[in-house]
């Protein structure tokens, strides 16, 4: 008898912790969740603001790690930026409001290619993580960006201009009731980046609380990087 996939469901995957060094000598910790069978693509997760509780275990990322390797063949790579704590431990260093975190993002991308030998790497940012993605995830080896609840608090106009000139896709998912940037505001704030794929999500809030929104976002991720694996199952 099949059972519904629940918030606590953990599907089969090859999981292992990892760590890597930044250019300024800090050791950051993370976890890799790889499909047991073939990998369709890899996704590096940049988490929400640690000063507000964001970390690699923030619920959308944890559930992506628990489900997408089995559901969609997507490898999920999560890590804690400097000074950030999760159940797995704490990355070295001190939170720097998105400035010194540039070294974290660059080191994480290099780790994915040099140590994990990924082939098709996408970057996903959530809230604070979207600013890190837009500012620092410009490596030519990356396939594109996925942005969840972008507040555009640290992203510069020059960053948006870079991505407007770059042919790689950028997909942004904007909750209808986001207190930082709602869909109407997003159209205005992204005016210098008209080629961005803006996707308003009715009823959603900044933190994507609720299983229907988790399923929606995991499905949207899959539609972008592994569309042949849709629809995602809802039962085990």
Protein backbone atom coordinates (compact mmCIF):
# COMPACT_ATOMS: atom_id res chain seq x y z
CA UNK A 1 0.00 0.00 0.00
CA UNK A 2 1.42 3.37 -1.00
CA UNK A 3 1.81 6.21 1.52
CA UNK A 4 1.74 9.94 0.98
CA UNK A 5 5.09 11.70 0.90
CA UNK A 6 5.20 13.76 4.09
CA UNK A 7 7.43 16.60 5.33
CA UNK A 8 9.55 14.05 7.19
CA UNK A 9 9.90 11.62 4.26
CA UNK A 10 13.50 10.69 3.37
CA UNK A 11 13.88 8.84 0.08
CA UNK A 12 16.89 6.70 -0.88
CA UNK A 13 20.11 8.48 -1.90
CA UNK A 14 23.86 8.26 -1.40
CA UNK A 15 24.55 10.80 1.33
CA UNK A 16 27.85 11.93 2.78
CA UNK A 17 29.23 14.94 4.62
CA UNK A 18 32.03 17.00 3.14
CA UNK A 19 34.14 20.05 3.91
CA UNK A 20 36.27 22.40 1.85
CA UNK A 21 38.54 25.40 2.36
CA UNK A 22 37.94 28.96 1.21
CA UNK A 23 40.66 31.18 -0.24
CA UNK A 24 40.98 32.90 3.17
CA UNK A 25 41.54 29.59 4.94
CA UNK A 26 38.14 28.81 6.48
CA UNK A 27 36.74 25.29 6.54
CA UNK A 28 33.09 25.12 5.54
CA UNK A 29 30.90 22.06 6.04
CA UNK A 30 28.20 20.56 3.86
CA UNK A 31 26.37 17.46 2.72
CA UNK A 32 26.06 15.75 -0.65
CA UNK A 33 22.95 13.76 -1.60
CA UNK A 34 23.44 11.90 -4.88
CA UNK A 35 21.03 9.65 -6.79
CA UNK A 36 21.60 5.95 -6.40
CA UNK A 37 21.20 5.64 -10.16
CA UNK A 38 22.16 8.13 -12.90
CA UNK A 39 22.43 11.85 -12.11
CA UNK A 40 20.45 14.20 -14.36
CA UNK A 41 21.99 17.42 -12.98
CA UNK A 42 23.53 18.89 -9.83
CA UNK A 43 22.17 21.74 -7.72
CA UNK A 44 24.30 23.85 -5.37
CA UNK A 45 22.17 25.47 -2.66
CA UNK A 46 22.86 28.95 -1.23
CA UNK A 47 20.85 29.27 1.96
CA UNK A 48 18.85 32.11 3.59
CA UNK A 49 20.37 34.65 5.97
CA UNK A 50 22.01 32.91 8.95
CA UNK A 51 21.31 35.93 11.16
CA UNK A 52 17.64 35.01 10.76
CA UNK A 53 18.13 31.27 11.19
CA UNK A 54 19.02 30.39 7.60
CA UNK A 55 21.33 27.40 7.04
CA UNK A 56 21.85 24.45 4.76
CA UNK A 57 18.99 22.64 6.55
CA UNK A 58 16.44 25.38 5.80
CA UNK A 59 13.36 23.37 5.00
CA UNK A 60 13.11 23.68 1.20
CA UNK A 61 16.75 22.62 0.84
CA UNK A 62 16.48 19.81 3.38
CA UNK A 63 13.39 18.45 1.61
CA UNK A 64 15.07 18.81 -1.77
CA UNK A 65 17.97 16.74 -0.42
CA UNK A 66 15.56 14.19 1.03
CA UNK A 67 13.52 13.78 -2.15
CA UNK A 68 14.98 15.02 -5.42
CA UNK A 69 17.84 12.51 -5.80
CA UNK A 70 15.28 9.68 -5.83
CA UNK A 71 12.41 11.54 -7.49
CA UNK A 72 14.28 13.34 -10.25
CA UNK A 73 17.87 12.13 -10.31
CA UNK A 74 19.02 15.56 -9.12
CA UNK A 75 22.16 15.71 -6.97
CA UNK A 76 21.74 18.17 -4.09
CA UNK A 77 24.81 19.93 -2.70
CA UNK A 78 24.24 21.95 0.48
CA UNK A 79 26.73 23.80 2.68
CA UNK A 80 26.85 26.34 5.50
CA UNK A 81 28.44 29.68 4.69
CA UNK A 82 30.95 31.11 7.16
CA UNK A 83 29.79 31.22 10.77
CA UNK A 84 26.59 29.29 10.00
CA UNK A 85 25.37 26.38 12.14
CA UNK A 86 23.15 23.43 11.32
CA UNK A 87 22.65 19.97 12.79
CA UNK A 88 25.83 18.82 11.03
CA UNK A 89 27.94 21.48 12.77
CA UNK A 90 29.28 24.99 12.21
CA UNK A 91 31.34 26.39 9.37
CA UNK A 92 34.37 28.37 10.48
CA UNK A 93 34.45 32.15 10.35
CA UNK A 94 31.99 34.93 11.07
CA UNK A 95 28.94 36.07 9.12
CA UNK A 96 29.83 39.11 6.98
CA UNK A 97 26.45 40.20 5.60
CA UNK A 98 27.17 38.88 2.13
CA UNK A 99 30.60 40.43 1.56
CA UNK A 100 33.28 37.91 2.63
CA UNK A 101 30.77 35.21 1.65
CA UNK A 102 32.01 35.77 -1.91
CA UNK A 103 34.92 33.52 -1.01
CA UNK A 104 32.49 30.88 0.26
CA UNK A 105 30.51 30.81 -2.98
CA UNK A 106 33.59 30.70 -5.19
CA UNK A 107 35.13 27.91 -3.12
CA UNK A 108 31.89 25.93 -3.17
CA UNK A 109 31.64 26.18 -6.96
CA UNK A 110 35.25 25.09 -7.39
CA UNK A 111 34.68 22.20 -4.97
CA UNK A 112 31.73 21.04 -7.07
CA UNK A 113 33.78 20.94 -10.26
CA UNK A 114 37.22 20.02 -8.95
CA UNK A 115 36.37 17.53 -6.19
CA UNK A 116 32.85 16.30 -6.95
CA UNK A 117 33.40 16.32 -10.73
CA UNK A 118 29.89 17.56 -11.47
CA UNK A 119 28.93 17.92 -15.12
CA UNK A 120 25.78 20.06 -15.17
CA UNK A 121 25.74 22.47 -12.22
CA UNK A 122 22.87 24.82 -11.44
CA UNK A 123 22.87 27.30 -8.57
CA UNK A 124 19.80 27.88 -6.41
CA UNK A 125 19.60 30.76 -3.95
CA UNK A 126 16.89 31.41 -1.40
CA UNK A 127 16.40 34.91 0.06
CA UNK A 128 19.91 36.02 1.19
CA UNK A 129 21.22 33.20 -0.99
CA UNK A 130 19.77 34.85 -4.09
CA UNK A 131 21.96 37.89 -3.50
CA UNK A 132 24.97 35.61 -3.21
CA UNK A 133 23.98 33.87 -6.44
CA UNK A 134 23.42 37.03 -8.46
CA UNK A 135 26.60 38.66 -7.18
CA UNK A 136 29.08 35.80 -7.05
CA UNK A 137 27.86 32.74 -9.01
CA UNK A 138 29.02 34.02 -12.40
CA UNK A 139 31.44 31.18 -13.18
CA UNK A 140 31.12 30.30 -16.87
CA UNK A 141 30.77 26.59 -16.05
CA UNK A 142 27.41 27.12 -14.33
CA UNK A 143 24.29 26.31 -16.35
CA UNK A 144 22.03 28.94 -14.80
CA UNK A 145 20.40 30.32 -11.64
CA UNK A 146 17.20 29.57 -9.75
CA UNK A 147 16.10 32.25 -7.27
CA UNK A 148 13.57 31.73 -4.47
CA UNK A 149 12.14 34.82 -2.76
CA UNK A 150 14.82 37.28 -3.94
CA UNK A 151 14.86 40.38 -1.68
CA UNK A 152 17.45 42.24 -3.81
CA UNK A 153 18.90 43.76 -0.66
CA UNK A 154 22.57 43.36 -1.61
CA UNK A 155 22.49 42.80 -5.37
CA UNK A 156 23.88 45.72 -7.37
CA UNK A 157 22.66 47.14 -10.66
CA UNK A 158 25.89 45.93 -12.24
CA UNK A 159 25.02 42.37 -11.23
CA UNK A 160 21.64 42.55 -12.95
CA UNK A 161 23.31 44.06 -16.02
CA UNK A 162 25.77 41.15 -16.08
CA UNK A 163 22.97 38.59 -16.11
CA UNK A 164 20.97 40.52 -18.69
CA UNK A 165 23.94 40.32 -21.07
CA UNK A 166 24.65 36.68 -20.21
CA UNK A 167 22.74 34.06 -22.25
CA UNK A 168 22.29 31.63 -19.37
CA UNK A 169 18.79 31.36 -17.88
CA UNK A 170 17.81 32.91 -14.57
CA UNK A 171 14.47 31.83 -13.07
CA UNK A 172 12.99 33.74 -10.11
CA UNK A 173 10.02 32.53 -8.06
CA UNK A 174 8.25 35.37 -6.29
CA UNK A 175 5.72 34.62 -3.53
CA UNK A 176 2.49 36.59 -3.77
CA UNK A 177 2.71 37.60 -0.10
CA UNK A 178 6.47 38.11 0.20
CA UNK A 179 7.10 40.93 2.66
CA UNK A 180 10.47 41.74 1.07
CA UNK A 181 9.65 41.69 -2.66
CA UNK A 182 6.20 40.82 -4.00
CA UNK A 183 5.46 40.16 -7.69
CA UNK A 184 4.50 43.76 -8.50
CA UNK A 185 7.65 45.09 -6.85
CA UNK A 186 9.74 42.43 -8.58
CA UNK A 187 8.71 43.68 -12.02
CA UNK A 188 9.92 47.15 -11.04
CA UNK A 189 13.14 46.03 -9.35
CA UNK A 190 14.13 43.72 -12.21
CA UNK A 191 13.38 46.36 -14.87
CA UNK A 192 17.03 46.43 -15.95
CA UNK A 193 16.92 42.63 -16.38
CA UNK A 194 13.94 42.09 -18.70
CA UNK A 195 15.04 38.65 -19.86
CA UNK A 196 14.72 37.14 -16.37
CA UNK A 197 12.01 34.51 -16.00
CA UNK A 198 9.76 35.97 -13.29
CA UNK A 199 7.27 33.50 -11.84
CA UNK A 200 4.72 34.82 -9.30
CA UNK A 201 3.39 32.09 -7.02
CA UNK A 202 -0.14 32.71 -5.77
CA UNK A 203 -0.71 32.36 -2.04
CA UNK A 204 2.93 31.75 -1.15
CA UNK A 205 4.99 33.59 1.47
CA UNK A 206 8.71 34.30 1.75
CA UNK A 207 9.48 31.06 3.62
CA UNK A 208 7.36 28.74 1.41
CA UNK A 209 5.70 27.17 4.44
CA UNK A 210 3.30 24.32 3.73
CA UNK A 211 3.65 21.05 1.84
CA UNK A 212 1.76 22.31 -1.28
CA UNK A 213 4.37 25.05 -1.75
CA UNK A 214 7.25 22.63 -1.14
CA UNK A 215 5.86 20.32 -3.82
CA UNK A 216 5.35 23.29 -6.16
CA UNK A 217 8.92 24.54 -5.77
CA UNK A 218 10.47 21.09 -6.09
CA UNK A 219 8.41 20.59 -9.23
CA UNK A 220 9.51 23.96 -10.62
CA UNK A 221 13.17 23.08 -9.97
CA UNK A 222 12.69 19.78 -11.75
CA UNK A 223 10.91 21.44 -14.68
CA UNK A 224 13.98 23.61 -15.24
CA UNK A 225 16.79 21.10 -14.90
CA UNK A 226 15.24 17.63 -15.32
CA UNK A 227 11.85 18.11 -17.05
CA UNK A 228 11.72 14.53 -18.24
CA UNK A 229 11.24 13.46 -14.59
CA UNK A 230 7.93 15.27 -14.15
CA UNK A 231 5.45 14.89 -12.62
CA UNK A 232 7.04 14.29 -9.24
CA UNK A 233 5.36 11.52 -7.28
CA UNK A 234 3.22 12.35 -4.26
CA UNK A 235 3.24 8.82 -2.82
CA UNK A 236 5.87 6.29 -1.81
